[in-house]
Amino acid sequence: MDSPDLATELKRCQLELGTAIEARTALEDILRAMDRHAGDLVPIFDVILEKALQLCHAQIGIVFLYDGEFYVA
Protein backbone atom coordinates (compact mmCIF):
# COMPACT_ATOMS: atom_id res chain seq x y z
CA MET A 1 0.00 0.00 0.00
CA ASP A 2 1.19 3.47 -0.72
CA SER A 3 0.41 6.64 1.26
CA PRO A 4 -2.86 7.66 -0.46
CA ASP A 5 -4.32 4.22 0.20
CA LEU A 6 -3.27 4.38 3.84
CA ALA A 7 -4.77 7.85 4.25
CA THR A 8 -8.02 6.71 2.64
CA GLU A 9 -8.16 3.64 4.86
CA LEU A 10 -7.46 5.75 7.97
CA LYS A 11 -10.30 8.13 7.09
CA ARG A 12 -12.65 5.18 6.50
CA CYS A 13 -11.70 3.64 9.86
CA GLN A 14 -12.16 6.96 11.66
CA LEU A 15 -15.61 7.39 10.11
CA GLU A 16 -16.55 3.82 11.03
CA LEU A 17 -15.34 4.34 14.60
CA GLY A 18 -17.28 7.60 14.91
CA THR A 19 -20.43 5.90 13.68
CA ALA A 20 -19.98 3.03 16.14
CA ILE A 21 -19.43 5.43 19.05
CA GLU A 22 -22.50 7.44 18.07
CA ALA A 23 -24.64 4.27 17.93
CA ARG A 24 -23.31 3.03 21.28
CA THR A 25 -24.02 6.39 22.91
CA ALA A 26 -27.58 6.31 21.55
CA LEU A 27 -28.08 2.80 22.91
CA GLU A 28 -26.76 3.86 26.32
CA ASP A 29 -29.20 6.78 26.37
CA ILE A 30 -32.10 4.48 25.47
CA LEU A 31 -31.14 1.97 28.15
CA ARG A 32 -30.87 4.78 30.70
CA ALA A 33 -34.37 5.97 29.75
CA MET A 34 -35.68 2.41 30.12
CA ASP A 35 -34.16 2.21 33.59
CA ARG A 36 -35.50 5.61 34.64
CA HIS A 37 -39.00 5.20 33.20
CA ALA A 38 -39.71 1.51 33.78
CA GLY A 39 -43.37 0.91 33.06
CA ASP A 40 -43.92 4.24 31.27
CA LEU A 41 -43.32 3.73 27.55
CA VAL A 42 -43.94 7.28 26.31
CA PRO A 43 -40.65 8.80 27.56
CA ILE A 44 -38.77 5.71 26.37
CA PHE A 45 -40.23 5.99 22.87
CA ASP A 46 -39.44 9.73 22.91
CA VAL A 47 -35.76 8.95 23.53
CA ILE A 48 -35.77 6.19 20.90
CA LEU A 49 -37.21 8.60 18.34
CA GLU A 50 -34.76 11.34 19.29
CA LYS A 51 -31.78 9.00 18.93
CA ALA A 52 -33.08 7.54 15.65
CA LEU A 53 -33.40 11.06 14.23
CA GLN A 54 -29.84 11.86 15.31
CA LEU A 55 -28.38 8.65 13.89
CA CYS A 56 -30.22 9.05 10.59
CA HIS A 57 -29.58 12.80 10.39
CA ALA A 58 -33.33 13.21 9.90
CA GLN A 59 -35.43 16.25 10.72
CA ILE A 60 -38.79 14.52 11.09
CA GLY A 61 -39.85 11.23 12.62
CA ILE A 62 -43.01 9.67 13.99
CA VAL A 63 -43.57 6.76 16.33
CA PHE A 64 -46.85 4.93 15.86
CA LEU A 65 -48.20 2.81 18.69
CA TYR A 66 -50.57 -0.07 17.96
CA ASP A 67 -53.25 -0.55 20.59
CA GLY A 68 -54.45 -3.87 19.21
CA GLU A 69 -56.90 -2.25 16.85
CA PHE A 70 -55.55 1.11 15.71
CA TYR A 71 -52.24 2.84 15.15
CA VAL A 72 -51.86 6.04 17.16
CA ALA A 73 -49.20 8.69 16.56
PDB file of N, CA and C in Angstrom:
ATOM      1  N   MET A   1       0.846  -1.196   0.000  1.00  0.00           N
ATOM      2  CA  MET A   1       0.000   0.000   0.000  1.00  0.00           C
ATOM      3  C   MET A   1       0.880   1.244   0.000  1.00  0.00           C
ATOM      4  N   ASP A   2       0.475   2.213  -0.761  1.00  0.00           N
ATOM      5  CA  ASP A   2       1.191   3.474  -0.716  1.00  0.00           C
ATOM      6  C   ASP A   2       0.422   4.470   0.145  1.00  0.00           C
ATOM      7  N   SER A   3       0.967   5.654   0.332  1.00  0.00           N
ATOM      8  CA  SER A   3       0.407   6.644   1.258  1.00  0.00           C
ATOM      9  C   SER A   3      -1.049   7.028   0.990  1.00  0.00           C
ATOM     10  N   PRO A   4      -1.455   7.299  -0.251  1.00  0.00           N
ATOM     11  CA  PRO A   4      -2.859   7.663  -0.461  1.00  0.00           C
ATOM     12  C   PRO A   4      -3.827   6.565  -0.010  1.00  0.00           C
ATOM     13  N   ASP A   5      -3.465   5.310  -0.237  1.00  0.00           N
ATOM     14  CA  ASP A   5      -4.325   4.218   0.195  1.00  0.00           C
ATOM     15  C   ASP A   5      -4.401   4.154   1.714  1.00  0.00           C
ATOM     16  N   LEU A   6      -3.285   4.382   2.382  1.00  0.00           N
ATOM     17  CA  LEU A   6      -3.271   4.379   3.841  1.00  0.00           C
ATOM     18  C   LEU A   6      -4.105   5.522   4.398  1.00  0.00           C
ATOM     19  N   ALA A   7      -3.999   6.687   3.783  1.00  0.00           N
ATOM     20  CA  ALA A   7      -4.768   7.847   4.247  1.00  0.00           C
ATOM     21  C   ALA A   7      -6.256   7.606   4.047  1.00  0.00           C
ATOM     22  N   THR A   8      -6.621   7.016   2.922  1.00  0.00           N
ATOM     23  CA  THR A   8      -8.019   6.713   2.645  1.00  0.00           C
ATOM     24  C   THR A   8      -8.544   5.685   3.636  1.00  0.00           C
ATOM     25  N   GLU A   9      -7.752   4.666   3.915  1.00  0.00           N
ATOM     26  CA  GLU A   9      -8.157   3.635   4.864  1.00  0.00           C
ATOM     27  C   GLU A   9      -8.285   4.210   6.267  1.00  0.00           C
ATOM     28  N   LEU A  10      -7.388   5.099   6.648  1.00  0.00           N
ATOM     29  CA  LEU A  10      -7.458   5.746   7.966  1.00  0.00           C
ATOM     30  C   LEU A  10      -8.739   6.569   8.082  1.00  0.00           C
ATOM     31  N   LYS A  11      -9.073   7.332   7.069  1.00  0.00           N
ATOM     32  CA  LYS A  11     -10.303   8.129   7.087  1.00  0.00           C
ATOM     33  C   LYS A  11     -11.534   7.233   7.191  1.00  0.00           C
ATOM     34  N   ARG A  12     -11.529   6.113   6.455  1.00  0.00           N
ATOM     35  CA  ARG A  12     -12.649   5.178   6.504  1.00  0.00           C
ATOM     36  C   ARG A  12     -12.797   4.582   7.900  1.00  0.00           C
ATOM     37  N   CYS A  13     -11.671   4.217   8.501  1.00  0.00           N
ATOM     38  CA  CYS A  13     -11.702   3.644   9.856  1.00  0.00           C
ATOM     39  C   CYS A  13     -12.167   4.675  10.882  1.00  0.00           C
ATOM     40  N   GLN A  14     -11.727   5.905  10.738  1.00  0.00           N
ATOM     41  CA  GLN A  14     -12.157   6.963  11.657  1.00  0.00           C
ATOM     42  C   GLN A  14     -13.657   7.206  11.539  1.00  0.00           C
ATOM     43  N   LEU A  15     -14.185   7.211  10.329  1.00  0.00           N
ATOM     44  CA  LEU A  15     -15.615   7.392  10.112  1.00  0.00           C
ATOM     45  C   LEU A  15     -16.398   6.222  10.712  1.00  0.00           C
ATOM     46  N   GLU A  16     -15.910   5.012  10.488  1.00  0.00           N
ATOM     47  CA  GLU A  16     -16.555   3.819  11.032  1.00  0.00           C
ATOM     48  C   GLU A  16     -16.550   3.847  12.562  1.00  0.00           C
ATOM     49  N   LEU A  17     -15.438   4.242  13.146  1.00  0.00           N
ATOM     50  CA  LEU A  17     -15.343   4.336  14.604  1.00  0.00           C
ATOM     51  C   LEU A  17     -16.300   5.398  15.136  1.00  0.00           C
ATOM     52  N   GLY A  18     -16.361   6.544  14.486  1.00  0.00           N
ATOM     53  CA  GLY A  18     -17.276   7.604  14.905  1.00  0.00           C
ATOM     54  C   GLY A  18     -18.724   7.155  14.857  1.00  0.00           C
ATOM     55  N   THR A  19     -19.070   6.426  13.816  1.00  0.00           N
ATOM     56  CA  THR A  19     -20.429   5.905  13.680  1.00  0.00           C
ATOM     57  C   THR A  19     -20.739   4.902  14.787  1.00  0.00           C
ATOM     58  N   ALA A  20     -19.786   4.030  15.083  1.00  0.00           N
ATOM     59  CA  ALA A  20     -19.984   3.034  16.139  1.00  0.00           C
ATOM     60  C   ALA A  20     -20.133   3.696  17.505  1.00  0.00           C
ATOM     61  N   ILE A  21     -19.336   4.714  17.769  1.00  0.00           N
ATOM     62  CA  ILE A  21     -19.430   5.433  19.048  1.00  0.00           C
ATOM     63  C   ILE A  21     -20.772   6.140  19.161  1.00  0.00           C
ATOM     64  N   GLU A  22     -21.215   6.744  18.076  1.00  0.00           N
ATOM     65  CA  GLU A  22     -22.502   7.435  18.066  1.00  0.00           C
ATOM     66  C   GLU A  22     -23.653   6.455  18.341  1.00  0.00           C
ATOM     67  N   ALA A  23     -23.597   5.283  17.721  1.00  0.00           N
ATOM     68  CA  ALA A  23     -24.635   4.272  17.927  1.00  0.00           C
ATOM     69  C   ALA A  23     -24.602   3.749  19.365  1.00  0.00           C
ATOM     70  N   ARG A  24     -23.419   3.530  19.897  1.00  0.00           N
ATOM     71  CA  ARG A  24     -23.310   3.034  21.280  1.00  0.00           C
ATOM     72  C   ARG A  24     -23.843   4.070  22.270  1.00  0.00           C
ATOM     73  N   THR A  25     -23.534   5.318  22.045  1.00  0.00           N
ATOM     74  CA  THR A  25     -24.020   6.386  22.912  1.00  0.00           C
ATOM     75  C   THR A  25     -25.546   6.445  22.873  1.00  0.00           C
ATOM     76  N   ALA A  26     -26.121   6.311  21.689  1.00  0.00           N
ATOM     77  CA  ALA A  26     -27.579   6.314  21.552  1.00  0.00           C
ATOM     78  C   ALA A  26     -28.176   5.142  22.321  1.00  0.00           C
ATOM     79  N   LEU A  27     -27.577   3.974  22.191  1.00  0.00           N
ATOM     80  CA  LEU A  27     -28.079   2.802  22.911  1.00  0.00           C
ATOM     81  C   LEU A  27     -27.993   3.000  24.422  1.00  0.00           C
ATOM     82  N   GLU A  28     -26.900   3.576  24.889  1.00  0.00           N
ATOM     83  CA  GLU A  28     -26.761   3.857  26.323  1.00  0.00           C
ATOM     84  C   GLU A  28     -27.861   4.804  26.799  1.00  0.00           C
ATOM     85  N   ASP A  29     -28.151   5.822  26.006  1.00  0.00           N
ATOM     86  CA  ASP A  29     -29.203   6.776  26.375  1.00  0.00           C
ATOM     87  C   ASP A  29     -30.575   6.096  26.425  1.00  0.00           C
ATOM     88  N   ILE A  30     -30.819   5.206  25.484  1.00  0.00           N
ATOM     89  CA  ILE A  30     -32.102   4.478  25.467  1.00  0.00           C
ATOM     90  C   ILE A  30     -32.200   3.564  26.677  1.00  0.00           C
ATOM     91  N   LEU A  31     -31.132   2.851  26.988  1.00  0.00           N
ATOM     92  CA  LEU A  31     -31.143   1.967  28.151  1.00  0.00           C
ATOM     93  C   LEU A  31     -31.318   2.752  29.453  1.00  0.00           C
ATOM     94  N   ARG A  32     -30.702   3.920  29.523  1.00  0.00           N
ATOM     95  CA  ARG A  32     -30.866   4.782  30.700  1.00  0.00           C
ATOM     96  C   ARG A  32     -32.320   5.220  30.840  1.00  0.00           C
ATOM     97  N   ALA A  33     -32.946   5.570  29.729  1.00  0.00           N
ATOM     98  CA  ALA A  33     -34.366   5.968  29.749  1.00  0.00           C
ATOM     99  C   ALA A  33     -35.240   4.793  30.176  1.00  0.00           C
ATOM    100  N   MET A  34     -34.908   3.596  29.727  1.00  0.00           N
ATOM    101  CA  MET A  34     -35.677   2.412  30.122  1.00  0.00           C
ATOM    102  C   MET A  34     -35.554   2.166  31.621  1.00  0.00           C
ATOM    103  N   ASP A  35     -34.376   2.390  32.159  1.00  0.00           N
ATOM    104  CA  ASP A  35     -34.164   2.205  33.594  1.00  0.00           C
ATOM    105  C   ASP A  35     -34.914   3.256  34.404  1.00  0.00           C
ATOM    106  N   ARG A  36     -34.864   4.489  33.937  1.00  0.00           N
ATOM    107  CA  ARG A  36     -35.501   5.609  34.639  1.00  0.00           C
ATOM    108  C   ARG A  36     -37.018   5.575  34.575  1.00  0.00           C
ATOM    109  N   HIS A  37     -37.553   5.118  33.440  1.00  0.00           N
ATOM    110  CA  HIS A  37     -39.003   5.198  33.203  1.00  0.00           C
ATOM    111  C   HIS A  37     -39.629   3.816  33.063  1.00  0.00           C
ATOM    112  N   ALA A  38     -39.174   2.873  33.851  1.00  0.00           N
ATOM    113  CA  ALA A  38     -39.715   1.510  33.777  1.00  0.00           C
ATOM    114  C   ALA A  38     -41.231   1.547  33.934  1.00  0.00           C
ATOM    115  N   GLY A  39     -41.919   0.947  32.996  1.00  0.00           N
ATOM    116  CA  GLY A  39     -43.372   0.905  33.057  1.00  0.00           C
ATOM    117  C   GLY A  39     -44.060   2.044  32.327  1.00  0.00           C
ATOM    118  N   ASP A  40     -43.335   3.106  31.982  1.00  0.00           N
ATOM    119  CA  ASP A  40     -43.918   4.243  31.265  1.00  0.00           C
ATOM    120  C   ASP A  40     -43.250   4.330  29.899  1.00  0.00           C
ATOM    121  N   LEU A  41     -43.933   3.851  28.873  1.00  0.00           N
ATOM    122  CA  LEU A  41     -43.323   3.731  27.553  1.00  0.00           C
ATOM    123  C   LEU A  41     -43.156   5.045  26.806  1.00  0.00           C
ATOM    124  N   VAL A  42     -43.973   6.035  27.083  1.00  0.00           N
ATOM    125  CA  VAL A  42     -43.935   7.284  26.314  1.00  0.00           C
ATOM    126  C   VAL A  42     -42.555   7.954  26.370  1.00  0.00           C
ATOM    127  N   PRO A  43     -41.972   8.175  27.557  1.00  0.00           N
ATOM    128  CA  PRO A  43     -40.647   8.801  27.556  1.00  0.00           C
ATOM    129  C   PRO A  43     -39.569   7.922  26.919  1.00  0.00           C
ATOM    130  N   ILE A  44     -39.738   6.613  26.999  1.00  0.00           N
ATOM    131  CA  ILE A  44     -38.766   5.714  26.370  1.00  0.00           C
ATOM    132  C   ILE A  44     -38.846   5.846  24.852  1.00  0.00           C
ATOM    133  N   PHE A  45     -40.071   5.836  24.314  1.00  0.00           N
ATOM    134  CA  PHE A  45     -40.230   5.992  22.867  1.00  0.00           C
ATOM    135  C   PHE A  45     -39.774   7.378  22.412  1.00  0.00           C
ATOM    136  N   ASP A  46     -39.932   8.391  23.247  1.00  0.00           N
ATOM    137  CA  ASP A  46     -39.436   9.728  22.911  1.00  0.00           C
ATOM    138  C   ASP A  46     -37.924   9.705  22.727  1.00  0.00           C
ATOM    139  N   VAL A  47     -37.224   9.035  23.624  1.00  0.00           N
ATOM    140  CA  VAL A  47     -35.763   8.945  23.528  1.00  0.00           C
ATOM    141  C   VAL A  47     -35.364   8.113  22.313  1.00  0.00           C
ATOM    142  N   ILE A  48     -36.077   7.012  22.067  1.00  0.00           N
ATOM    143  CA  ILE A  48     -35.774   6.188  20.896  1.00  0.00           C
ATOM    144  C   ILE A  48     -35.920   7.006  19.620  1.00  0.00           C
ATOM    145  N   LEU A  49     -37.002   7.770  19.517  1.00  0.00           N
ATOM    146  CA  LEU A  49     -37.212   8.601  18.336  1.00  0.00           C
ATOM    147  C   LEU A  49     -36.125   9.661  18.211  1.00  0.00           C
ATOM    148  N   GLU A  50     -35.806  10.312  19.306  1.00  0.00           N
ATOM    149  CA  GLU A  50     -34.764  11.337  19.287  1.00  0.00           C
ATOM    150  C   GLU A  50     -33.441  10.768  18.797  1.00  0.00           C
ATOM    151  N   LYS A  51     -33.058   9.612  19.315  1.00  0.00           N
ATOM    152  CA  LYS A  51     -31.780   8.999  18.931  1.00  0.00           C
ATOM    153  C   LYS A  51     -31.817   8.511  17.484  1.00  0.00           C
ATOM    154  N   ALA A  52     -32.952   7.980  17.041  1.00  0.00           N
ATOM    155  CA  ALA A  52     -33.080   7.544  15.647  1.00  0.00           C
ATOM    156  C   ALA A  52     -32.922   8.727  14.696  1.00  0.00           C
ATOM    157  N   LEU A  53     -33.535   9.854  15.053  1.00  0.00           N
ATOM    158  CA  LEU A  53     -33.403  11.055  14.230  1.00  0.00           C
ATOM    159  C   LEU A  53     -31.947  11.507  14.154  1.00  0.00           C
ATOM    160  N   GLN A  54     -31.255  11.474  15.286  1.00  0.00           N
ATOM    161  CA  GLN A  54     -29.843  11.863  15.306  1.00  0.00           C
ATOM    162  C   GLN A  54     -28.993  10.929  14.449  1.00  0.00           C
ATOM    163  N   LEU A  55     -29.191   9.625  14.622  1.00  0.00           N
ATOM    164  CA  LEU A  55     -28.377   8.655  13.893  1.00  0.00           C
ATOM    165  C   LEU A  55     -28.626   8.693  12.398  1.00  0.00           C
ATOM    166  N   CYS A  56     -29.858   8.999  12.010  1.00  0.00           N
ATOM    167  CA  CYS A  56     -30.219   9.046  10.588  1.00  0.00           C
ATOM    168  C   CYS A  56     -30.059  10.438   9.986  1.00  0.00           C
ATOM    169  N   HIS A  57     -29.691  11.399  10.828  1.00  0.00           N
ATOM    170  CA  HIS A  57     -29.581  12.801  10.393  1.00  0.00           C
ATOM    171  C   HIS A  57     -30.891  13.263   9.751  1.00  0.00           C
ATOM    172  N   ALA A  58     -31.997  12.866  10.392  1.00  0.00           N
ATOM    173  CA  ALA A  58     -33.330  13.207   9.896  1.00  0.00           C
ATOM    174  C   ALA A  58     -33.891  14.391  10.681  1.00  0.00           C
ATOM    175  N   GLN A  59     -34.795  15.107  10.072  1.00  0.00           N
ATOM    176  CA  GLN A  59     -35.432  16.246  10.721  1.00  0.00           C
ATOM    177  C   GLN A  59     -36.810  15.907  11.262  1.00  0.00           C
ATOM    178  N   ILE A  60     -37.419  14.877  10.706  1.00  0.00           N
ATOM    179  CA  ILE A  60     -38.785  14.519  11.085  1.00  0.00           C
ATOM    180  C   ILE A  60     -38.864  13.016  11.317  1.00  0.00           C
ATOM    181  N   GLY A  61     -39.615  12.636  12.343  1.00  0.00           N
ATOM    182  CA  GLY A  61     -39.848  11.229  12.617  1.00  0.00           C
ATOM    183  C   GLY A  61     -41.126  11.073  13.422  1.00  0.00           C
ATOM    184  N   ILE A  62     -41.767   9.934  13.274  1.00  0.00           N
ATOM    185  CA  ILE A  62     -43.015   9.671  13.987  1.00  0.00           C
ATOM    186  C   ILE A  62     -42.962   8.250  14.530  1.00  0.00           C
ATOM    187  N   VAL A  63     -43.416   8.091  15.754  1.00  0.00           N
ATOM    188  CA  VAL A  63     -43.567   6.762  16.334  1.00  0.00           C
ATOM    189  C   VAL A  63     -45.060   6.475  16.386  1.00  0.00           C
ATOM    190  N   PHE A  64     -45.458   5.367  15.803  1.00  0.00           N
ATOM    191  CA  PHE A  64     -46.846   4.933  15.861  1.00  0.00           C
ATOM    192  C   PHE A  64     -46.956   3.798  16.867  1.00  0.00           C
ATOM    193  N   LEU A  65     -47.923   3.875  17.735  1.00  0.00           N
ATOM    194  CA  LEU A  65     -48.199   2.814  18.689  1.00  0.00           C
ATOM    195  C   LEU A  65     -49.445   2.073  18.231  1.00  0.00           C
ATOM    196  N   TYR A  66     -49.432   0.764  18.340  1.00  0.00           N
ATOM    197  CA  TYR A  66     -50.567  -0.068  17.960  1.00  0.00           C
ATOM    198  C   TYR A  66     -51.246  -0.534  19.234  1.00  0.00           C
ATOM    199  N   ASP A  67     -52.526  -0.208  19.374  1.00  0.00           N
ATOM    200  CA  ASP A  67     -53.254  -0.550  20.594  1.00  0.00           C
ATOM    201  C   ASP A  67     -54.032  -1.867  20.464  1.00  0.00           C
ATOM    202  N   GLY A  68     -53.743  -2.628  19.432  1.00  0.00           N
ATOM    203  CA  GLY A  68     -54.452  -3.873  19.206  1.00  0.00           C
ATOM    204  C   GLY A  68     -55.500  -3.753  18.119  1.00  0.00           C
ATOM    205  N   GLU A  69     -55.897  -2.507  17.870  1.00  0.00           N
ATOM    206  CA  GLU A  69     -56.903  -2.254  16.851  1.00  0.00           C
ATOM    207  C   GLU A  69     -56.498  -1.116  15.919  1.00  0.00           C
ATOM    208  N   PHE A  70     -55.904  -0.083  16.486  1.00  0.00           N
ATOM    209  CA  PHE A  70     -55.553   1.114  15.713  1.00  0.00           C
ATOM    210  C   PHE A  70     -54.105   1.504  15.962  1.00  0.00           C
ATOM    211  N   TYR A  71     -53.537   2.215  14.971  1.00  0.00           N
ATOM    212  CA  TYR A  71     -52.240   2.844  15.147  1.00  0.00           C
ATOM    213  C   TYR A  71     -52.466   4.272  15.609  1.00  0.00           C
ATOM    214  N   VAL A  72     -51.726   4.693  16.616  1.00  0.00           N
ATOM    215  CA  VAL A  72     -51.859   6.036  17.162  1.00  0.00           C
ATOM    216  C   VAL A  72     -50.493   6.711  17.113  1.00  0.00           C
ATOM    217  N   ALA A  73     -50.461   7.949  16.632  1.00  0.00           N
ATOM    218  CA  ALA A  73     -49.201   8.693  16.560  1.00  0.00           C
ATOM    219  C   ALA A  73     -48.902   9.369  17.870  1.00  0.00           C
TER     220      ALA A  73
END
